Amino acid sequence: MIPVCRLEDLPKGESARVGTTPPIAVFHTDDGDLYAIDDTCSHQDASLSDGWLEGCLVECPLHAASFDLRTGRPTCLPARRPVRTHRVTVDDGLVHVHLVAEQDATEDAFEEDSAA
């Protein structure tokens, strides 16, 4: 569990970048939901926390690939591979990210590729 920031310091419609390895992006949607995904676009090395947030989607600032924050799956080209999603909790006003294992993300990507 990684502390990110106080909820009051992450306004709705904004994101925060967590300097883990790999980096994580935490998003606070206009609806008040919190999501965390790997910060690096799966298409090319770009920070998704610098992207544009619309609902539950974030658009990569480099080539406009879009990812669903709920699943990590790309919703349009040029990205084809998903990014990992991470569970977010708020405890006593502090936002925390719970990292998923690298193996979990690899299995999810494999299952998606197999279904195609």
C-alpha atoms as a PDB file:
ATOM      1  CA  MET A   1       0.000   0.000   0.000  1.00  0.00           C
ATOM      2  CA  ILE A   2       1.500   3.310  -1.128  1.00  0.00           C
ATOM      3  CA  PRO A   3       0.333   6.661   0.266  1.00  0.00           C
ATOM      4  CA  VAL A   4      -0.290   9.158  -2.537  1.00  0.00           C
ATOM      5  CA  CYS A   5      -1.717  12.381  -1.104  1.00  0.00           C
ATOM      6  CA  ARG A   6      -4.585  13.787   0.910  1.00  0.00           C
ATOM      7  CA  LEU A   7      -7.881  13.526  -0.965  1.00  0.00           C
ATOM      8  CA  GLU A   8      -8.376  17.279  -0.595  1.00  0.00           C
ATOM      9  CA  ASP A   9      -5.071  17.818  -2.446  1.00  0.00           C
ATOM     10  CA  LEU A  10      -6.302  15.918  -5.525  1.00  0.00           C
ATOM     11  CA  PRO A  11      -9.195  17.948  -6.972  1.00  0.00           C
ATOM     12  CA  LYS A  12     -11.829  16.326  -9.163  1.00  0.00           C
ATOM     13  CA  GLY A  13     -10.719  16.195 -12.781  1.00  0.00           C
ATOM     14  CA  GLU A  14      -7.020  16.065 -11.799  1.00  0.00           C
ATOM     15  CA  SER A  15      -4.310  13.432 -11.544  1.00  0.00           C
ATOM     16  CA  ALA A  16      -1.235  12.740  -9.467  1.00  0.00           C
ATOM     17  CA  ARG A  17       1.908  10.874 -10.491  1.00  0.00           C
ATOM     18  CA  VAL A  18       3.466   8.478  -7.995  1.00  0.00           C
ATOM     19  CA  GLY A  19       7.207   7.990  -8.520  1.00  0.00           C
ATOM     20  CA  THR A  20       7.231   4.229  -8.015  1.00  0.00           C
ATOM     21  CA  THR A  21       8.930   1.810 -10.398  1.00  0.00           C
ATOM     22  CA  PRO A  22       7.071   1.759 -12.707  1.00  0.00           C
ATOM     23  CA  PRO A  23       5.316   5.091 -12.057  1.00  0.00           C
ATOM     24  CA  ILE A  24       1.598   5.083 -11.223  1.00  0.00           C
ATOM     25  CA  ALA A  25      -1.011   7.696 -12.216  1.00  0.00           C
ATOM     26  CA  VAL A  26      -3.916   8.337  -9.844  1.00  0.00           C
ATOM     27  CA  PHE A  27      -7.007  10.038 -11.283  1.00  0.00           C
ATOM     28  CA  HIS A  28      -9.878  11.747  -9.465  1.00  0.00           C
ATOM     29  CA  THR A  29     -12.773  11.902 -11.930  1.00  0.00           C
ATOM     30  CA  ASP A  30     -15.372  14.646 -12.072  1.00  0.00           C
ATOM     31  CA  ASP A  31     -17.813  12.092 -10.603  1.00  0.00           C
ATOM     32  CA  GLY A  32     -15.555  11.735  -7.537  1.00  0.00           C
ATOM     33  CA  ASP A  33     -14.228   8.261  -8.364  1.00  0.00           C
ATOM     34  CA  LEU A  34     -10.548   7.399  -7.877  1.00  0.00           C
ATOM     35  CA  TYR A  35      -8.583   5.179 -10.258  1.00  0.00           C
ATOM     36  CA  ALA A  36      -4.927   4.201 -10.549  1.00  0.00           C
ATOM     37  CA  ILE A  37      -3.131   2.830 -13.596  1.00  0.00           C
ATOM     38  CA  ASP A  38       0.460   2.452 -14.692  1.00  0.00           C
ATOM     39  CA  ASP A  39       1.517   5.934 -15.743  1.00  0.00           C
ATOM     40  CA  THR A  40       3.345   5.009 -18.947  1.00  0.00           C
ATOM     41  CA  CYS A  41       1.361   4.615 -22.168  1.00  0.00           C
ATOM     42  CA  SER A  42       1.707   1.107 -23.597  1.00  0.00           C
ATOM     43  CA  HIS A  43       2.158   2.525 -27.110  1.00  0.00           C
ATOM     44  CA  GLN A  44       5.110   4.807 -26.456  1.00  0.00           C
ATOM     45  CA  ASP A  45       6.890   6.351 -23.487  1.00  0.00           C
ATOM     46  CA  ALA A  46       4.476   9.092 -22.395  1.00  0.00           C
ATOM     47  CA  SER A  47       3.074   9.982 -18.979  1.00  0.00           C
ATOM     48  CA  LEU A  48      -0.668   9.317 -18.804  1.00  0.00           C
ATOM     49  CA  SER A  49      -0.941  11.580 -15.761  1.00  0.00           C
ATOM     50  CA  ASP A  50      -0.186  14.430 -18.219  1.00  0.00           C
ATOM     51  CA  GLY A  51      -3.083  13.304 -20.418  1.00  0.00           C
ATOM     52  CA  TRP A  52      -6.650  14.554 -20.729  1.00  0.00           C
ATOM     53  CA  LEU A  53      -9.249  13.078 -18.408  1.00  0.00           C
ATOM     54  CA  GLU A  54     -12.816  12.680 -19.619  1.00  0.00           C
ATOM     55  CA  GLY A  55     -15.137  10.546 -17.526  1.00  0.00           C
ATOM     56  CA  CYS A  56     -13.395   7.223 -16.986  1.00  0.00           C
ATOM     57  CA  LEU A  57     -11.045   7.678 -19.940  1.00  0.00           C
ATOM     58  CA  VAL A  58      -7.607   9.231 -20.144  1.00  0.00           C
ATOM     59  CA  GLU A  59      -6.099  10.302 -23.448  1.00  0.00           C
ATOM     60  CA  CYS A  60      -2.356   9.982 -23.855  1.00  0.00           C
ATOM     61  CA  PRO A  61      -0.746  13.381 -24.517  1.00  0.00           C
ATOM     62  CA  LEU A  62       1.648  11.986 -27.131  1.00  0.00           C
ATOM     63  CA  HIS A  63      -0.428  10.186 -29.785  1.00  0.00           C
ATOM     64  CA  ALA A  64      -4.013  10.425 -28.422  1.00  0.00           C
ATOM     65  CA  ALA A  65      -4.373   6.756 -27.463  1.00  0.00           C
ATOM     66  CA  SER A  66      -7.150   6.472 -24.901  1.00  0.00           C
ATOM     67  CA  PHE A  67      -7.383   4.097 -21.921  1.00  0.00           C
ATOM     68  CA  ASP A  68     -10.323   3.065 -19.764  1.00  0.00           C
ATOM     69  CA  LEU A  69      -9.326   3.776 -16.154  1.00  0.00           C
ATOM     70  CA  ARG A  70     -11.562   0.964 -14.898  1.00  0.00           C
ATOM     71  CA  THR A  71      -9.924  -1.797 -16.943  1.00  0.00           C
ATOM     72  CA  GLY A  72      -6.666  -0.353 -18.289  1.00  0.00           C
ATOM     73  CA  ARG A  73      -7.682  -1.386 -21.794  1.00  0.00           C
ATOM     74  CA  PRO A  74      -7.026   0.926 -24.723  1.00  0.00           C
ATOM     75  CA  THR A  75     -10.159   2.240 -26.387  1.00  0.00           C
ATOM     76  CA  CYS A  76      -8.509   3.350 -29.625  1.00  0.00           C
ATOM     77  CA  LEU A  77      -5.315   3.117 -31.639  1.00  0.00           C
ATOM     78  CA  PRO A  78      -2.391   3.510 -31.656  1.00  0.00           C
ATOM     79  CA  ALA A  79      -2.266   1.695 -28.272  1.00  0.00           C
ATOM     80  CA  ARG A  80      -3.011  -2.012 -28.466  1.00  0.00           C
ATOM     81  CA  ARG A  81      -1.844  -3.300 -25.078  1.00  0.00           C
ATOM     82  CA  PRO A  82      -3.543  -2.495 -21.759  1.00  0.00           C
ATOM     83  CA  VAL A  83      -1.884  -0.835 -18.804  1.00  0.00           C
ATOM     84  CA  ARG A  84      -2.165  -2.308 -15.314  1.00  0.00           C
ATOM     85  CA  THR A  85      -4.856  -1.022 -13.011  1.00  0.00           C
ATOM     86  CA  HIS A  86      -4.396  -0.725  -9.252  1.00  0.00           C
ATOM     87  CA  ARG A  87      -6.876  -0.569  -6.405  1.00  0.00           C
ATOM     88  CA  VAL A  88      -7.293   2.797  -4.674  1.00  0.00           C
ATOM     89  CA  THR A  89      -8.543   3.331  -1.140  1.00  0.00           C
ATOM     90  CA  VAL A  90      -9.025   6.364   1.064  1.00  0.00           C
ATOM     91  CA  ASP A  91      -8.285   5.974   4.752  1.00  0.00           C
ATOM     92  CA  ASP A  92      -8.806   8.916   7.077  1.00  0.00           C
ATOM     93  CA  GLY A  93      -8.605  11.309   4.101  1.00  0.00           C
ATOM     94  CA  LEU A  94      -5.363   9.813   2.727  1.00  0.00           C
ATOM     95  CA  VAL A  95      -5.376   8.261  -0.778  1.00  0.00           C
ATOM     96  CA  HIS A  96      -3.518   4.940  -1.056  1.00  0.00           C
ATOM     97  CA  VAL A  97      -2.664   2.781  -4.074  1.00  0.00           C
ATOM     98  CA  HIS A  98      -2.481  -0.997  -3.740  1.00  0.00           C
ATOM     99  CA  LEU A  99      -0.151  -2.297  -6.451  1.00  0.00           C
ATOM    100  CA  VAL A 100      -1.000  -5.409  -8.444  1.00  0.00           C
ATOM    101  CA  ALA A 101       1.721  -7.890  -9.248  1.00  0.00           C
ATOM    102  CA  GLU A 102       3.436  -7.753 -12.633  1.00  0.00           C
ATOM    103  CA  GLN A 103       2.338 -11.353 -13.264  1.00  0.00           C
ATOM    104  CA  ASP A 104      -1.342 -10.419 -12.820  1.00  0.00           C
ATOM    105  CA  ALA A 105      -1.078  -7.767 -15.529  1.00  0.00           C
ATOM    106  CA  THR A 106       0.764 -10.127 -17.887  1.00  0.00           C
ATOM    107  CA  GLU A 107      -1.940 -12.776 -17.485  1.00  0.00           C
ATOM    108  CA  ASP A 108      -4.665 -10.187 -18.192  1.00  0.00           C
ATOM    109  CA  ALA A 109      -2.870  -9.058 -21.368  1.00  0.00           C
ATOM    110  CA  PHE A 110      -2.384 -12.681 -22.464  1.00  0.00           C
ATOM    111  CA  GLU A 111      -6.065 -13.472 -21.976  1.00  0.00           C
ATOM    112  CA  GLU A 112      -7.021 -10.398 -24.020  1.00  0.00           C
ATOM    113  CA  ASP A 113      -4.607 -11.297 -26.853  1.00  0.00           C
ATOM    114  CA  SER A 114      -5.873 -14.911 -26.881  1.00  0.00           C
ATOM    115  CA  ALA A 115      -9.474 -13.763 -27.263  1.00  0.00           C
ATOM    116  CA  ALA A 116      -8.662 -11.633 -30.315  1.00  0.00           C
END
